[in-house]
């Protein structure tokens, strides 16, 4: 069952006197975008975008002079592994395996959110190279899925959702287009179920090191 933003906001307010300024800023921003996503009805494109912003707010951190060593995928994997280790009730596991198992599998075999497919269409790689990468990626996912490697599974799923995010944010898709409905609806539903769980786990563990948020509030 999806955690509604009011539950997260109430929990944040209950804990706020014990939260660091940076952590509270990160959580407050994330909850605000969860609230906006949950207020939308019938617009899966905008829901997806709002949930992605909420996700970004929850995990993104300043990495200083080591930024060139950290890709988004690395930061995602670090974040997912930490969340999974803290998720004693296995809520993330239950969401993926019990609620979205079939939809996730369908998402992973959708070539339109697989970057090498677009590299092939742009003439950057051959069709054979694209097909080999697609097969390798899907086999990696299936092995991780069968072994219940939750952090790895999340990382692979979000790598596909990241491309979908790029399509939407960078103007590579028409609003409410029929061409990408399946992946947008699935992605929106998956983010809508997972991101509030991520935030709730973080609220349960404010003592963990979550990093400095981007663009802190500057008091003048």
C-alpha atoms as a PDB file:
ATOM      1  CA  UNK A   1       0.000   0.000   0.000  1.00  0.00           C
ATOM      2  CA  UNK A   2       1.349   3.422  -0.971  1.00  0.00           C
ATOM      3  CA  UNK A   3       2.458   5.672   1.883  1.00  0.00           C
ATOM      4  CA  UNK A   4       0.591   8.969   1.563  1.00  0.00           C
ATOM      5  CA  UNK A   5       2.564  12.172   1.946  1.00  0.00           C
ATOM      6  CA  UNK A   6       0.565  13.258   5.037  1.00  0.00           C
ATOM      7  CA  UNK A   7       2.018  10.298   6.935  1.00  0.00           C
ATOM      8  CA  UNK A   8       5.544  11.275   5.950  1.00  0.00           C
ATOM      9  CA  UNK A   9       4.961  14.936   6.781  1.00  0.00           C
ATOM     10  CA  UNK A  10       3.539  14.087  10.214  1.00  0.00           C
ATOM     11  CA  UNK A  11       6.534  11.863  10.930  1.00  0.00           C
ATOM     12  CA  UNK A  12       8.929  14.603   9.832  1.00  0.00           C
ATOM     13  CA  UNK A  13       7.200  17.146  12.098  1.00  0.00           C
ATOM     14  CA  UNK A  14       7.283  14.757  15.041  1.00  0.00           C
ATOM     15  CA  UNK A  15      11.023  14.253  14.636  1.00  0.00           C
ATOM     16  CA  UNK A  16      12.041  17.740  13.504  1.00  0.00           C
ATOM     17  CA  UNK A  17      13.623  18.871  16.783  1.00  0.00           C
ATOM     18  CA  UNK A  18      16.033  15.924  16.550  1.00  0.00           C
ATOM     19  CA  UNK A  19      16.872  16.272  12.860  1.00  0.00           C
ATOM     20  CA  UNK A  20      19.948  17.989  11.499  1.00  0.00           C
ATOM     21  CA  UNK A  21      19.316  21.025   9.294  1.00  0.00           C
ATOM     22  CA  UNK A  22      20.727  19.302   6.205  1.00  0.00           C
ATOM     23  CA  UNK A  23      18.756  16.114   6.721  1.00  0.00           C
ATOM     24  CA  UNK A  24      15.519  17.968   7.374  1.00  0.00           C
ATOM     25  CA  UNK A  25      16.028  20.061   4.232  1.00  0.00           C
ATOM     26  CA  UNK A  26      16.590  16.932   2.151  1.00  0.00           C
ATOM     27  CA  UNK A  27      13.536  15.170   3.567  1.00  0.00           C
ATOM     28  CA  UNK A  28      11.295  18.247   3.454  1.00  0.00           C
ATOM     29  CA  UNK A  29      12.070  18.804  -0.216  1.00  0.00           C
ATOM     30  CA  UNK A  30      11.462  15.176  -1.079  1.00  0.00           C
ATOM     31  CA  UNK A  31       8.110  15.044   0.749  1.00  0.00           C
ATOM     32  CA  UNK A  32       6.981  18.238  -0.987  1.00  0.00           C
ATOM     33  CA  UNK A  33       7.410  16.571  -4.391  1.00  0.00           C
ATOM     34  CA  UNK A  34       5.773  13.350  -3.221  1.00  0.00           C
ATOM     35  CA  UNK A  35       2.822  15.515  -2.150  1.00  0.00           C
ATOM     36  CA  UNK A  36       2.666  17.159  -5.566  1.00  0.00           C
ATOM     37  CA  UNK A  37       2.842  13.815  -7.376  1.00  0.00           C
ATOM     38  CA  UNK A  38       0.068  12.367  -5.241  1.00  0.00           C
ATOM     39  CA  UNK A  39      -2.140  15.398  -5.936  1.00  0.00           C
ATOM     40  CA  UNK A  40      -2.094  14.718  -9.679  1.00  0.00           C
ATOM     41  CA  UNK A  41      -4.792  12.564 -11.199  1.00  0.00           C
ATOM     42  CA  UNK A  42      -4.623  11.145 -14.704  1.00  0.00           C
ATOM     43  CA  UNK A  43      -1.295  12.724 -15.669  1.00  0.00           C
ATOM     44  CA  UNK A  44       1.283   9.965 -15.405  1.00  0.00           C
ATOM     45  CA  UNK A  45       3.968  12.017 -17.181  1.00  0.00           C
ATOM     46  CA  UNK A  46       3.887  14.729 -14.536  1.00  0.00           C
ATOM     47  CA  UNK A  47       3.590  12.186 -11.736  1.00  0.00           C
ATOM     48  CA  UNK A  48       6.714  10.463 -12.997  1.00  0.00           C
ATOM     49  CA  UNK A  49       8.624  13.751 -13.149  1.00  0.00           C
ATOM     50  CA  UNK A  50       7.516  14.821  -9.657  1.00  0.00           C
ATOM     51  CA  UNK A  51       8.405  11.452  -8.150  1.00  0.00           C
ATOM     52  CA  UNK A  52      11.793  11.590  -9.852  1.00  0.00           C
ATOM     53  CA  UNK A  53      12.453  15.014  -8.329  1.00  0.00           C
ATOM     54  CA  UNK A  54      11.460  13.579  -4.940  1.00  0.00           C
ATOM     55  CA  UNK A  55      13.896  10.716  -5.528  1.00  0.00           C
ATOM     56  CA  UNK A  56      16.661  13.163  -6.495  1.00  0.00           C
ATOM     57  CA  UNK A  57      16.032  15.216  -3.375  1.00  0.00           C
ATOM     58  CA  UNK A  58      16.324  12.127  -1.204  1.00  0.00           C
ATOM     59  CA  UNK A  59      19.628  10.773  -2.518  1.00  0.00           C
ATOM     60  CA  UNK A  60      21.586  13.489  -4.379  1.00  0.00           C
ATOM     61  CA  UNK A  61      24.538  14.858  -2.473  1.00  0.00           C
ATOM     62  CA  UNK A  62      27.546  17.037  -2.969  1.00  0.00           C
ATOM     63  CA  UNK A  63      30.659  14.971  -3.575  1.00  0.00           C
ATOM     64  CA  UNK A  64      33.177  17.785  -3.931  1.00  0.00           C
ATOM     65  CA  UNK A  65      36.437  17.253  -5.786  1.00  0.00           C
ATOM     66  CA  UNK A  66      35.659  13.528  -6.142  1.00  0.00           C
ATOM     67  CA  UNK A  67      32.605  14.272  -8.319  1.00  0.00           C
ATOM     68  CA  UNK A  68      34.326  12.933 -11.431  1.00  0.00           C
ATOM     69  CA  UNK A  69      34.698   9.563  -9.712  1.00  0.00           C
ATOM     70  CA  UNK A  70      30.991   9.212  -8.993  1.00  0.00           C
ATOM     71  CA  UNK A  71      28.450   8.527 -11.705  1.00  0.00           C
ATOM     72  CA  UNK A  72      24.730   8.709 -11.026  1.00  0.00           C
ATOM     73  CA  UNK A  73      24.683   4.923 -11.241  1.00  0.00           C
ATOM     74  CA  UNK A  74      27.343   4.673  -8.516  1.00  0.00           C
ATOM     75  CA  UNK A  75      25.426   7.048  -6.264  1.00  0.00           C
ATOM     76  CA  UNK A  76      22.183   5.178  -6.930  1.00  0.00           C
ATOM     77  CA  UNK A  77      23.805   1.851  -6.049  1.00  0.00           C
ATOM     78  CA  UNK A  78      25.278   3.249  -2.842  1.00  0.00           C
ATOM     79  CA  UNK A  79      21.893   4.709  -1.868  1.00  0.00           C
ATOM     80  CA  UNK A  80      19.954   1.543  -2.696  1.00  0.00           C
ATOM     81  CA  UNK A  81      22.349  -0.726  -0.807  1.00  0.00           C
ATOM     82  CA  UNK A  82      22.108   1.497   2.262  1.00  0.00           C
ATOM     83  CA  UNK A  83      18.308   1.576   2.114  1.00  0.00           C
ATOM     84  CA  UNK A  84      18.123  -2.185   1.648  1.00  0.00           C
ATOM     85  CA  UNK A  85      20.387  -2.777   4.658  1.00  0.00           C
ATOM     86  CA  UNK A  86      18.169  -0.529   6.794  1.00  0.00           C
ATOM     87  CA  UNK A  87      14.907  -1.998   5.483  1.00  0.00           C
ATOM     88  CA  UNK A  88      14.397  -4.563   8.227  1.00  0.00           C
ATOM     89  CA  UNK A  89      10.756  -5.144   7.276  1.00  0.00           C
ATOM     90  CA  UNK A  90      11.772  -5.773   3.637  1.00  0.00           C
ATOM     91  CA  UNK A  91       9.240  -3.285   2.318  1.00  0.00           C
ATOM     92  CA  UNK A  92      11.310  -2.563  -0.773  1.00  0.00           C
ATOM     93  CA  UNK A  93      11.601  -6.272  -1.463  1.00  0.00           C
ATOM     94  CA  UNK A  94       7.852  -6.745  -1.044  1.00  0.00           C
ATOM     95  CA  UNK A  95       7.028  -3.871  -3.380  1.00  0.00           C
ATOM     96  CA  UNK A  96       9.222  -5.180  -6.192  1.00  0.00           C
ATOM     97  CA  UNK A  97       8.570  -8.893  -5.867  1.00  0.00           C
ATOM     98  CA  UNK A  98       4.954  -8.950  -4.665  1.00  0.00           C
ATOM     99  CA  UNK A  99       3.396  -5.884  -6.281  1.00  0.00           C
ATOM    100  CA  UNK A 100       5.423  -5.162  -9.412  1.00  0.00           C
ATOM    101  CA  UNK A 101       7.133  -8.416 -10.359  1.00  0.00           C
ATOM    102  CA  UNK A 102       5.518  -8.851 -13.790  1.00  0.00           C
ATOM    103  CA  UNK A 103       5.525  -5.142 -14.604  1.00  0.00           C
ATOM    104  CA  UNK A 104       9.207  -4.848 -13.738  1.00  0.00           C
ATOM    105  CA  UNK A 105      10.057  -7.762 -16.005  1.00  0.00           C
ATOM    106  CA  UNK A 106       8.120  -6.128 -18.845  1.00  0.00           C
ATOM    107  CA  UNK A 107       9.876  -2.834 -18.167  1.00  0.00           C
ATOM    108  CA  UNK A 108      13.296  -4.450 -18.467  1.00  0.00           C
ATOM    109  CA  UNK A 109      12.588  -5.935 -21.901  1.00  0.00           C
ATOM    110  CA  UNK A 110      11.316  -2.623 -23.275  1.00  0.00           C
ATOM    111  CA  UNK A 111      14.009  -1.555 -25.760  1.00  0.00           C
ATOM    112  CA  UNK A 112      12.744   2.024 -25.915  1.00  0.00           C
ATOM    113  CA  UNK A 113      14.179   2.795 -22.485  1.00  0.00           C
ATOM    114  CA  UNK A 114      17.488   1.041 -23.185  1.00  0.00           C
ATOM    115  CA  UNK A 115      20.224   3.528 -24.106  1.00  0.00           C
ATOM    116  CA  UNK A 116      22.145   1.288 -26.557  1.00  0.00           C
ATOM    117  CA  UNK A 117      18.958   0.999 -28.637  1.00  0.00           C
ATOM    118  CA  UNK A 118      19.107   4.744 -29.229  1.00  0.00           C
ATOM    119  CA  UNK A 119      22.877   4.594 -29.783  1.00  0.00           C
ATOM    120  CA  UNK A 120      22.193   2.083 -32.561  1.00  0.00           C
ATOM    121  CA  UNK A 121      19.510   4.310 -34.088  1.00  0.00           C
ATOM    122  CA  UNK A 122      21.956   7.221 -34.009  1.00  0.00           C
ATOM    123  CA  UNK A 123      24.535   5.108 -35.853  1.00  0.00           C
ATOM    124  CA  UNK A 124      26.939   4.998 -32.919  1.00  0.00           C
ATOM    125  CA  UNK A 125      26.953   1.190 -32.571  1.00  0.00           C
ATOM    126  CA  UNK A 126      25.895  -1.730 -34.748  1.00  0.00           C
ATOM    127  CA  UNK A 127      22.647  -3.633 -34.372  1.00  0.00           C
ATOM    128  CA  UNK A 128      24.611  -6.684 -33.267  1.00  0.00           C
ATOM    129  CA  UNK A 129      26.343  -4.664 -30.537  1.00  0.00           C
ATOM    130  CA  UNK A 130      22.991  -3.320 -29.398  1.00  0.00           C
ATOM    131  CA  UNK A 131      21.443  -6.790 -29.270  1.00  0.00           C
ATOM    132  CA  UNK A 132      24.413  -8.174 -27.351  1.00  0.00           C
ATOM    133  CA  UNK A 133      24.211  -5.369 -24.797  1.00  0.00           C
ATOM    134  CA  UNK A 134      20.447  -5.891 -24.465  1.00  0.00           C
ATOM    135  CA  UNK A 135      20.871  -9.626 -23.868  1.00  0.00           C
ATOM    136  CA  UNK A 136      23.686  -9.082 -21.366  1.00  0.00           C
ATOM    137  CA  UNK A 137      21.723  -6.438 -19.463  1.00  0.00           C
ATOM    138  CA  UNK A 138      18.602  -8.583 -19.251  1.00  0.00           C
ATOM    139  CA  UNK A 139      20.556 -11.662 -18.170  1.00  0.00           C
ATOM    140  CA  UNK A 140      22.254  -9.611 -15.449  1.00  0.00           C
ATOM    141  CA  UNK A 141      18.871  -8.389 -14.267  1.00  0.00           C
ATOM    142  CA  UNK A 142      17.333 -11.879 -14.241  1.00  0.00           C
ATOM    143  CA  UNK A 143      20.236 -13.282 -12.218  1.00  0.00           C
ATOM    144  CA  UNK A 144      19.961 -10.465  -9.686  1.00  0.00           C
ATOM    145  CA  UNK A 145      16.174 -10.879  -9.597  1.00  0.00           C
ATOM    146  CA  UNK A 146      16.405 -14.635  -9.009  1.00  0.00           C
ATOM    147  CA  UNK A 147      19.036 -14.164  -6.293  1.00  0.00           C
ATOM    148  CA  UNK A 148      16.911 -11.487  -4.592  1.00  0.00           C
ATOM    149  CA  UNK A 149      19.737  -8.941  -4.800  1.00  0.00           C
ATOM    150  CA  UNK A 150      17.489  -5.999  -4.020  1.00  0.00           C
ATOM    151  CA  UNK A 151      20.093  -3.241  -4.293  1.00  0.00           C
ATOM    152  CA  UNK A 152      21.328  -4.524  -7.634  1.00  0.00           C
ATOM    153  CA  UNK A 153      17.784  -4.990  -8.940  1.00  0.00           C
ATOM    154  CA  UNK A 154      16.897  -1.417  -7.971  1.00  0.00           C
ATOM    155  CA  UNK A 155      20.014  -0.091  -9.686  1.00  0.00           C
ATOM    156  CA  UNK A 156      19.173  -1.892 -12.931  1.00  0.00           C
ATOM    157  CA  UNK A 157      15.529  -0.792 -12.866  1.00  0.00           C
ATOM    158  CA  UNK A 158      16.458   2.826 -12.205  1.00  0.00           C
ATOM    159  CA  UNK A 159      18.992   2.798 -15.031  1.00  0.00           C
ATOM    160  CA  UNK A 160      16.042   2.205 -17.398  1.00  0.00           C
ATOM    161  CA  UNK A 161      13.848   4.744 -15.614  1.00  0.00           C
ATOM    162  CA  UNK A 162      16.702   7.254 -15.867  1.00  0.00           C
ATOM    163  CA  UNK A 163      16.531   7.092 -19.657  1.00  0.00           C
ATOM    164  CA  UNK A 164      12.767   7.570 -19.488  1.00  0.00           C
ATOM    165  CA  UNK A 165      13.378  10.550 -17.224  1.00  0.00           C
ATOM    166  CA  UNK A 166      15.753  11.990 -19.842  1.00  0.00           C
ATOM    167  CA  UNK A 167      13.193  11.514 -22.596  1.00  0.00           C
ATOM    168  CA  UNK A 168      10.577  13.454 -20.633  1.00  0.00           C
ATOM    169  CA  UNK A 169      12.773  16.180 -19.162  1.00  0.00           C
ATOM    170  CA  UNK A 170      14.723  16.885 -22.359  1.00  0.00           C
ATOM    171  CA  UNK A 171      11.690  17.117 -24.591  1.00  0.00           C
ATOM    172  CA  UNK A 172      12.085  13.712 -26.200  1.00  0.00           C
ATOM    173  CA  UNK A 173       8.459  12.695 -25.696  1.00  0.00           C
ATOM    174  CA  UNK A 174       5.017  14.152 -26.298  1.00  0.00           C
ATOM    175  CA  UNK A 175       2.846  14.830 -23.259  1.00  0.00           C
ATOM    176  CA  UNK A 176       0.476  11.888 -22.756  1.00  0.00           C
ATOM    177  CA  UNK A 177       1.809  10.223 -25.889  1.00  0.00           C
ATOM    178  CA  UNK A 178       0.430   6.780 -26.713  1.00  0.00           C
ATOM    179  CA  UNK A 179       3.918   5.759 -27.858  1.00  0.00           C
ATOM    180  CA  UNK A 180       5.377   5.510 -24.364  1.00  0.00           C
ATOM    181  CA  UNK A 181       2.307   4.908 -22.178  1.00  0.00           C
ATOM    182  CA  UNK A 182       3.333   1.483 -20.918  1.00  0.00           C
ATOM    183  CA  UNK A 183       6.727   2.544 -19.618  1.00  0.00           C
ATOM    184  CA  UNK A 184       5.478   5.877 -18.237  1.00  0.00           C
ATOM    185  CA  UNK A 185       2.539   4.316 -16.383  1.00  0.00           C
ATOM    186  CA  UNK A 186       4.685   1.494 -15.002  1.00  0.00           C
ATOM    187  CA  UNK A 187       7.495   3.876 -14.090  1.00  0.00           C
ATOM    188  CA  UNK A 188       5.146   6.311 -12.392  1.00  0.00           C
ATOM    189  CA  UNK A 189       3.503   3.517 -10.422  1.00  0.00           C
ATOM    190  CA  UNK A 190       6.824   2.035  -9.374  1.00  0.00           C
ATOM    191  CA  UNK A 191       8.278   5.380  -8.290  1.00  0.00           C
ATOM    192  CA  UNK A 192       5.027   6.201  -6.500  1.00  0.00           C
ATOM    193  CA  UNK A 193       5.297   3.023  -4.463  1.00  0.00           C
ATOM    194  CA  UNK A 194       9.056   3.070  -3.809  1.00  0.00           C
ATOM    195  CA  UNK A 195      10.014   6.705  -3.223  1.00  0.00           C
ATOM    196  CA  UNK A 196       7.717   7.189  -0.177  1.00  0.00           C
ATOM    197  CA  UNK A 197       9.211   3.992   1.276  1.00  0.00           C
ATOM    198  CA  UNK A 198      12.720   5.372   0.697  1.00  0.00           C
ATOM    199  CA  UNK A 199      11.795   8.574   2.549  1.00  0.00           C
ATOM    200  CA  UNK A 200      10.138   6.651   5.386  1.00  0.00           C
ATOM    201  CA  UNK A 201      13.230   4.479   5.877  1.00  0.00           C
ATOM    202  CA  UNK A 202      15.384   7.605   5.953  1.00  0.00           C
ATOM    203  CA  UNK A 203      13.121   9.147   8.594  1.00  0.00           C
ATOM    204  CA  UNK A 204      13.592   5.994  10.664  1.00  0.00           C
ATOM    205  CA  UNK A 205      17.370   6.454  10.437  1.00  0.00           C
ATOM    206  CA  UNK A 206      18.240  10.169  10.520  1.00  0.00           C
ATOM    207  CA  UNK A 207      21.493   9.310  12.308  1.00  0.00           C
ATOM    208  CA  UNK A 208      22.908   7.761   9.139  1.00  0.00           C
ATOM    209  CA  UNK A 209      25.224   9.752   6.896  1.00  0.00           C
ATOM    210  CA  UNK A 210      23.068  10.897   3.966  1.00  0.00           C
ATOM    211  CA  UNK A 211      25.435  13.570   2.700  1.00  0.00           C
ATOM    212  CA  UNK A 212      25.071  17.295   2.150  1.00  0.00           C
ATOM    213  CA  UNK A 213      22.108  18.224  -0.049  1.00  0.00           C
ATOM    214  CA  UNK A 214      22.517  20.208  -3.235  1.00  0.00           C
ATOM    215  CA  UNK A 215      21.651  23.918  -3.083  1.00  0.00           C
ATOM    216  CA  UNK A 216      21.347  24.460   0.685  1.00  0.00           C
ATOM    217  CA  UNK A 217      19.213  27.351   1.861  1.00  0.00           C
ATOM    218  CA  UNK A 218      21.309  30.529   2.066  1.00  0.00           C
ATOM    219  CA  UNK A 219      20.260  32.996   4.731  1.00  0.00           C
ATOM    220  CA  UNK A 220      21.202  36.579   3.866  1.00  0.00           C
END
